[in-house]
Amino acid sequence: MQPAGLRIERKFPNSPCDFIFAISSYLQRWKILLQESDRGCLEQLNNQVATWVKRFLEEECNQDLMEDFI
């Protein structure tokens, strides 16, 4: 089994959101190992990042539509 670092180094994300989703996936795997108080903190941070990504994708989509229109 390869270390996680090697797997990450061999694949470059296509967009910043891909990187954030990959990190989120790893954090979700680690969440079960955390203490209850830390799980709540991690969940809150994960929700904040998810909200940011959603807004980013909506803005990016709107910009693409605007460019197609122009």
PDB file of N, CA and C in Angstrom:
ATOM      1  N   MET A   1       0.847  -1.183   0.000  1.00  0.00           N
ATOM      2  CA  MET A   1       0.000   0.000   0.000  1.00  0.00           C
ATOM      3  C   MET A   1       0.889   1.242   0.000  1.00  0.00           C
ATOM      4  N   GLN A   2       0.584   2.168  -0.872  1.00  0.00           N
ATOM      5  CA  GLN A   2       1.389   3.373  -0.989  1.00  0.00           C
ATOM      6  C   GLN A   2       0.958   4.412   0.037  1.00  0.00           C
ATOM      7  N   PRO A   3       1.896   5.211   0.504  1.00  0.00           N
ATOM      8  CA  PRO A   3       1.523   6.327   1.377  1.00  0.00           C
ATOM      9  C   PRO A   3       0.624   7.307   0.633  1.00  0.00           C
ATOM     10  N   ALA A   4      -0.248   7.966   1.374  1.00  0.00           N
ATOM     11  CA  ALA A   4      -1.203   8.905   0.774  1.00  0.00           C
ATOM     12  C   ALA A   4      -0.496  10.013   0.011  1.00  0.00           C
ATOM     13  N   GLY A   5       0.650  10.452   0.490  1.00  0.00           N
ATOM     14  CA  GLY A   5       1.375  11.534  -0.164  1.00  0.00           C
ATOM     15  C   GLY A   5       1.774  11.190  -1.592  1.00  0.00           C
ATOM     16  N   LEU A   6       2.171   9.949  -1.818  1.00  0.00           N
ATOM     17  CA  LEU A   6       2.561   9.554  -3.162  1.00  0.00           C
ATOM     18  C   LEU A   6       1.367   9.541  -4.104  1.00  0.00           C
ATOM     19  N   ARG A   7       0.235   9.099  -3.624  1.00  0.00           N
ATOM     20  CA  ARG A   7      -0.952   9.082  -4.471  1.00  0.00           C
ATOM     21  C   ARG A   7      -1.369  10.496  -4.840  1.00  0.00           C
ATOM     22  N   ILE A   8      -1.275  11.412  -3.909  1.00  0.00           N
ATOM     23  CA  ILE A   8      -1.653  12.794  -4.171  1.00  0.00           C
ATOM     24  C   ILE A   8      -0.682  13.423  -5.167  1.00  0.00           C
ATOM     25  N   GLU A   9       0.596  13.122  -5.038  1.00  0.00           N
ATOM     26  CA  GLU A   9       1.600  13.737  -5.901  1.00  0.00           C
ATOM     27  C   GLU A   9       1.459  13.308  -7.353  1.00  0.00           C
ATOM     28  N   ARG A  10       0.942  12.140  -7.602  1.00  0.00           N
ATOM     29  CA  ARG A  10       0.857  11.635  -8.971  1.00  0.00           C
ATOM     30  C   ARG A  10      -0.368  12.131  -9.724  1.00  0.00           C
ATOM     31  N   LYS A  11      -1.309  12.724  -9.058  1.00  0.00           N
ATOM     32  CA  LYS A  11      -2.509  13.209  -9.727  1.00  0.00           C
ATOM     33  C   LYS A  11      -2.696  14.681  -9.399  1.00  0.00           C
ATOM     34  N   PHE A  12      -2.726  15.494 -10.417  1.00  0.00           N
ATOM     35  CA  PHE A  12      -2.912  16.922 -10.219  1.00  0.00           C
ATOM     36  C   PHE A  12      -4.385  17.262 -10.398  1.00  0.00           C
ATOM     37  N   PRO A  13      -4.929  18.060  -9.499  1.00  0.00           N
ATOM     38  CA  PRO A  13      -6.346  18.421  -9.622  1.00  0.00           C
ATOM     39  C   PRO A  13      -6.582  19.323 -10.833  1.00  0.00           C
ATOM     40  N   ASN A  14      -7.765  19.171 -11.423  1.00  0.00           N
ATOM     41  CA  ASN A  14      -8.133  19.992 -12.581  1.00  0.00           C
ATOM     42  C   ASN A  14      -8.591  21.382 -12.172  1.00  0.00           C
ATOM     43  N   SER A  15      -9.108  21.494 -10.973  1.00  0.00           N
ATOM     44  CA  SER A  15      -9.582  22.792 -10.492  1.00  0.00           C
ATOM     45  C   SER A  15      -9.368  22.862  -8.986  1.00  0.00           C
ATOM     46  N   PRO A  16      -9.431  24.051  -8.422  1.00  0.00           N
ATOM     47  CA  PRO A  16      -9.288  24.183  -6.966  1.00  0.00           C
ATOM     48  C   PRO A  16     -10.353  23.391  -6.206  1.00  0.00           C
ATOM     49  N   CYS A  17     -11.533  23.294  -6.781  1.00  0.00           N
ATOM     50  CA  CYS A  17     -12.614  22.558  -6.112  1.00  0.00           C
ATOM     51  C   CYS A  17     -12.284  21.072  -6.001  1.00  0.00           C
ATOM     52  N   ASP A  18     -11.622  20.505  -7.019  1.00  0.00           N
ATOM     53  CA  ASP A  18     -11.225  19.098  -6.949  1.00  0.00           C
ATOM     54  C   ASP A  18     -10.308  18.862  -5.758  1.00  0.00           C
ATOM     55  N   PHE A  19      -9.398  19.775  -5.535  1.00  0.00           N
ATOM     56  CA  PHE A  19      -8.475  19.663  -4.408  1.00  0.00           C
ATOM     57  C   PHE A  19      -9.235  19.726  -3.081  1.00  0.00           C
ATOM     58  N   ILE A  20     -10.168  20.658  -2.985  1.00  0.00           N
ATOM     59  CA  ILE A  20     -10.937  20.817  -1.748  1.00  0.00           C
ATOM     60  C   ILE A  20     -11.790  19.583  -1.486  1.00  0.00           C
ATOM     61  N   PHE A  21     -12.400  19.020  -2.529  1.00  0.00           N
ATOM     62  CA  PHE A  21     -13.205  17.816  -2.351  1.00  0.00           C
ATOM     63  C   PHE A  21     -12.342  16.638  -1.905  1.00  0.00           C
ATOM     64  N   ALA A  22     -11.128  16.531  -2.432  1.00  0.00           N
ATOM     65  CA  ALA A  22     -10.227  15.453  -2.019  1.00  0.00           C
ATOM     66  C   ALA A  22      -9.855  15.596  -0.547  1.00  0.00           C
ATOM     67  N   ILE A  23      -9.544  16.812  -0.123  1.00  0.00           N
ATOM     68  CA  ILE A  23      -9.214  17.053   1.283  1.00  0.00           C
ATOM     69  C   ILE A  23     -10.414  16.738   2.164  1.00  0.00           C
ATOM     70  N   SER A  24     -11.593  17.139   1.732  1.00  0.00           N
ATOM     71  CA  SER A  24     -12.814  16.873   2.494  1.00  0.00           C
ATOM     72  C   SER A  24     -13.025  15.371   2.666  1.00  0.00           C
ATOM     73  N   SER A  25     -12.761  14.623   1.622  1.00  0.00           N
ATOM     74  CA  SER A  25     -12.904  13.168   1.693  1.00  0.00           C
ATOM     75  C   SER A  25     -11.954  12.569   2.735  1.00  0.00           C
ATOM     76  N   TYR A  26     -10.712  13.018   2.737  1.00  0.00           N
ATOM     77  CA  TYR A  26      -9.747  12.522   3.724  1.00  0.00           C
ATOM     78  C   TYR A  26     -10.162  12.904   5.148  1.00  0.00           C
ATOM     79  N   LEU A  27     -10.651  14.112   5.322  1.00  0.00           N
ATOM     80  CA  LEU A  27     -11.074  14.551   6.655  1.00  0.00           C
ATOM     81  C   LEU A  27     -12.261  13.739   7.160  1.00  0.00           C
ATOM     82  N   GLN A  28     -13.168  13.378   6.264  1.00  0.00           N
ATOM     83  CA  GLN A  28     -14.315  12.568   6.668  1.00  0.00           C
ATOM     84  C   GLN A  28     -13.872  11.192   7.146  1.00  0.00           C
ATOM     85  N   ARG A  29     -12.843  10.659   6.529  1.00  0.00           N
ATOM     86  CA  ARG A  29     -12.311   9.360   6.966  1.00  0.00           C
ATOM     87  C   ARG A  29     -11.679   9.461   8.355  1.00  0.00           C
ATOM     88  N   TRP A  30     -11.020  10.576   8.630  1.00  0.00           N
ATOM     89  CA  TRP A  30     -10.363  10.766   9.919  1.00  0.00           C
ATOM     90  C   TRP A  30     -11.353  11.136  11.018  1.00  0.00           C
ATOM     91  N   LYS A  31     -12.506  11.650  10.637  1.00  0.00           N
ATOM     92  CA  LYS A  31     -13.469  12.155  11.617  1.00  0.00           C
ATOM     93  C   LYS A  31     -13.862  11.085  12.632  1.00  0.00           C
ATOM     94  N   ILE A  32     -13.962   9.846  12.213  1.00  0.00           N
ATOM     95  CA  ILE A  32     -14.387   8.790  13.135  1.00  0.00           C
ATOM     96  C   ILE A  32     -13.350   8.531  14.226  1.00  0.00           C
ATOM     97  N   LEU A  33     -12.114   8.945  14.001  1.00  0.00           N
ATOM     98  CA  LEU A  33     -11.054   8.730  14.984  1.00  0.00           C
ATOM     99  C   LEU A  33     -10.946   9.863  16.007  1.00  0.00           C
ATOM    100  N   LEU A  34     -11.649  10.959  15.758  1.00  0.00           N
ATOM    101  CA  LEU A  34     -11.548  12.129  16.632  1.00  0.00           C
ATOM    102  C   LEU A  34     -12.455  12.013  17.846  1.00  0.00           C
ATOM    103  N   GLN A  35     -12.136  12.802  18.859  1.00  0.00           N
ATOM    104  CA  GLN A  35     -13.017  12.899  20.014  1.00  0.00           C
ATOM    105  C   GLN A  35     -14.276  13.647  19.605  1.00  0.00           C
ATOM    106  N   GLU A  36     -15.344  13.455  20.369  1.00  0.00           N
ATOM    107  CA  GLU A  36     -16.646  14.030  20.021  1.00  0.00           C
ATOM    108  C   GLU A  36     -16.580  15.548  19.841  1.00  0.00           C
ATOM    109  N   SER A  37     -15.878  16.242  20.733  1.00  0.00           N
ATOM    110  CA  SER A  37     -15.794  17.705  20.631  1.00  0.00           C
ATOM    111  C   SER A  37     -15.065  18.131  19.359  1.00  0.00           C
ATOM    112  N   ASP A  38     -14.041  17.389  18.989  1.00  0.00           N
ATOM    113  CA  ASP A  38     -13.295  17.707  17.776  1.00  0.00           C
ATOM    114  C   ASP A  38     -14.098  17.380  16.521  1.00  0.00           C
ATOM    115  N   ARG A  39     -14.940  16.351  16.599  1.00  0.00           N
ATOM    116  CA  ARG A  39     -15.793  16.011  15.457  1.00  0.00           C
ATOM    117  C   ARG A  39     -16.734  17.156  15.125  1.00  0.00           C
ATOM    118  N   GLY A  40     -17.299  17.766  16.157  1.00  0.00           N
ATOM    119  CA  GLY A  40     -18.206  18.891  15.939  1.00  0.00           C
ATOM    120  C   GLY A  40     -17.501  20.056  15.276  1.00  0.00           C
ATOM    121  N   CYS A  41     -16.294  20.332  15.714  1.00  0.00           N
ATOM    122  CA  CYS A  41     -15.501  21.422  15.131  1.00  0.00           C
ATOM    123  C   CYS A  41     -15.181  21.119  13.669  1.00  0.00           C
ATOM    124  N   LEU A  42     -14.784  19.890  13.393  1.00  0.00           N
ATOM    125  CA  LEU A  42     -14.466  19.495  12.026  1.00  0.00           C
ATOM    126  C   LEU A  42     -15.703  19.578  11.134  1.00  0.00           C
ATOM    127  N   GLU A  43     -16.841  19.161  11.652  1.00  0.00           N
ATOM    128  CA  GLU A  43     -18.087  19.222  10.884  1.00  0.00           C
ATOM    129  C   GLU A  43     -18.452  20.670  10.554  1.00  0.00           C
ATOM    130  N   GLN A  44     -18.265  21.553  11.509  1.00  0.00           N
ATOM    131  CA  GLN A  44     -18.554  22.969  11.288  1.00  0.00           C
ATOM    132  C   GLN A  44     -17.635  23.545  10.205  1.00  0.00           C
ATOM    133  N   LEU A  45     -16.360  23.232  10.279  1.00  0.00           N
ATOM    134  CA  LEU A  45     -15.420  23.704   9.260  1.00  0.00           C
ATOM    135  C   LEU A  45     -15.752  23.123   7.886  1.00  0.00           C
ATOM    136  N   ASN A  46     -16.127  21.853   7.870  1.00  0.00           N
ATOM    137  CA  ASN A  46     -16.487  21.205   6.614  1.00  0.00           C
ATOM    138  C   ASN A  46     -17.706  21.878   5.986  1.00  0.00           C
ATOM    139  N   ASN A  47     -18.687  22.243   6.806  1.00  0.00           N
ATOM    140  CA  ASN A  47     -19.875  22.938   6.302  1.00  0.00           C
ATOM    141  C   ASN A  47     -19.520  24.310   5.743  1.00  0.00           C
ATOM    142  N   GLN A  48     -18.613  25.015   6.406  1.00  0.00           N
ATOM    143  CA  GLN A  48     -18.187  26.328   5.915  1.00  0.00           C
ATOM    144  C   GLN A  48     -17.495  26.207   4.561  1.00  0.00           C
ATOM    145  N   VAL A  49     -16.638  25.224   4.426  1.00  0.00           N
ATOM    146  CA  VAL A  49     -15.932  25.024   3.159  1.00  0.00           C
ATOM    147  C   VAL A  49     -16.917  24.612   2.066  1.00  0.00           C
ATOM    148  N   ALA A  50     -17.870  23.742   2.397  1.00  0.00           N
ATOM    149  CA  ALA A  50     -18.871  23.319   1.415  1.00  0.00           C
ATOM    150  C   ALA A  50     -19.687  24.506   0.923  1.00  0.00           C
ATOM    151  N   THR A  51     -20.037  25.412   1.819  1.00  0.00           N
ATOM    152  CA  THR A  51     -20.776  26.612   1.430  1.00  0.00           C
ATOM    153  C   THR A  51     -19.935  27.480   0.508  1.00  0.00           C
ATOM    154  N   TRP A  52     -18.661  27.639   0.831  1.00  0.00           N
ATOM    155  CA  TRP A  52     -17.765  28.431  -0.013  1.00  0.00           C
ATOM    156  C   TRP A  52     -17.644  27.821  -1.406  1.00  0.00           C
ATOM    157  N   VAL A  53     -17.470  26.498  -1.468  1.00  0.00           N
ATOM    158  CA  VAL A  53     -17.320  25.827  -2.760  1.00  0.00           C
ATOM    159  C   VAL A  53     -18.593  25.977  -3.585  1.00  0.00           C
ATOM    160  N   LYS A  54     -19.734  25.837  -2.946  1.00  0.00           N
ATOM    161  CA  LYS A  54     -21.008  25.983  -3.657  1.00  0.00           C
ATOM    162  C   LYS A  54     -21.118  27.380  -4.269  1.00  0.00           C
ATOM    163  N   ARG A  55     -20.797  28.402  -3.503  1.00  0.00           N
ATOM    164  CA  ARG A  55     -20.840  29.775  -4.024  1.00  0.00           C
ATOM    165  C   ARG A  55     -19.836  29.969  -5.159  1.00  0.00           C
ATOM    166  N   PHE A  56     -18.651  29.420  -4.990  1.00  0.00           N
ATOM    167  CA  PHE A  56     -17.620  29.529  -6.020  1.00  0.00           C
ATOM    168  C   PHE A  56     -18.089  28.897  -7.326  1.00  0.00           C
ATOM    169  N   LEU A  57     -18.663  27.698  -7.241  1.00  0.00           N
ATOM    170  CA  LEU A  57     -19.124  27.012  -8.442  1.00  0.00           C
ATOM    171  C   LEU A  57     -20.276  27.755  -9.108  1.00  0.00           C
ATOM    172  N   GLU A  58     -21.170  28.319  -8.302  1.00  0.00           N
ATOM    173  CA  GLU A  58     -22.277  29.093  -8.868  1.00  0.00           C
ATOM    174  C   GLU A  58     -21.755  30.324  -9.603  1.00  0.00           C
ATOM    175  N   GLU A  59     -20.800  31.027  -9.012  1.00  0.00           N
ATOM    176  CA  GLU A  59     -20.220  32.206  -9.661  1.00  0.00           C
ATOM    177  C   GLU A  59     -19.483  31.820 -10.941  1.00  0.00           C
ATOM    178  N   GLU A  60     -18.755  30.716 -10.882  1.00  0.00           N
ATOM    179  CA  GLU A  60     -18.015  30.257 -12.057  1.00  0.00           C
ATOM    180  C   GLU A  60     -18.983  29.894 -13.181  1.00  0.00           C
ATOM    181  N   CYS A  61     -20.062  29.227 -12.847  1.00  0.00           N
ATOM    182  CA  CYS A  61     -21.067  28.849 -13.838  1.00  0.00           C
ATOM    183  C   CYS A  61     -21.709  30.096 -14.439  1.00  0.00           C
ATOM    184  N   ASN A  62     -22.038  31.065 -13.600  1.00  0.00           N
ATOM    185  CA  ASN A  62     -22.638  32.307 -14.089  1.00  0.00           C
ATOM    186  C   ASN A  62     -21.683  33.057 -15.013  1.00  0.00           C
ATOM    187  N   GLN A  63     -20.395  33.049 -14.690  1.00  0.00           N
ATOM    188  CA  GLN A  63     -19.415  33.721 -15.544  1.00  0.00           C
ATOM    189  C   GLN A  63     -19.309  33.019 -16.891  1.00  0.00           C
ATOM    190  N   ASP A  64     -19.335  31.682 -16.876  1.00  0.00           N
ATOM    191  CA  ASP A  64     -19.275  30.931 -18.129  1.00  0.00           C
ATOM    192  C   ASP A  64     -20.493  31.232 -18.997  1.00  0.00           C
ATOM    193  N   LEU A  65     -21.663  31.302 -18.383  1.00  0.00           N
ATOM    194  CA  LEU A  65     -22.875  31.617 -19.133  1.00  0.00           C
ATOM    195  C   LEU A  65     -22.805  33.027 -19.710  1.00  0.00           C
ATOM    196  N   MET A  66     -22.271  33.957 -18.931  1.00  0.00           N
ATOM    197  CA  MET A  66     -22.151  35.334 -19.396  1.00  0.00           C
ATOM    198  C   MET A  66     -21.177  35.416 -20.569  1.00  0.00           C
ATOM    199  N   GLU A  67     -20.066  34.700 -20.481  1.00  0.00           N
ATOM    200  CA  GLU A  67     -19.096  34.699 -21.576  1.00  0.00           C
ATOM    201  C   GLU A  67     -19.696  34.093 -22.837  1.00  0.00           C
ATOM    202  N   ASP A  68     -20.498  33.045 -22.694  1.00  0.00           N
ATOM    203  CA  ASP A  68     -21.153  32.443 -23.849  1.00  0.00           C
ATOM    204  C   ASP A  68     -22.152  33.410 -24.473  1.00  0.00           C
ATOM    205  N   PHE A  69     -22.802  34.183 -23.639  1.00  0.00           N
ATOM    206  CA  PHE A  69     -23.795  35.136 -24.119  1.00  0.00           C
ATOM    207  C   PHE A  69     -23.141  36.274 -24.888  1.00  0.00           C
ATOM    208  N   ILE A  70     -22.002  36.723 -24.384  1.00  0.00           N
ATOM    209  CA  ILE A  70     -21.288  37.849 -25.010  1.00  0.00           C
ATOM    210  C   ILE A  70     -20.592  37.330 -26.221  1.00  0.00           C
TER     211      ILE A  70
END
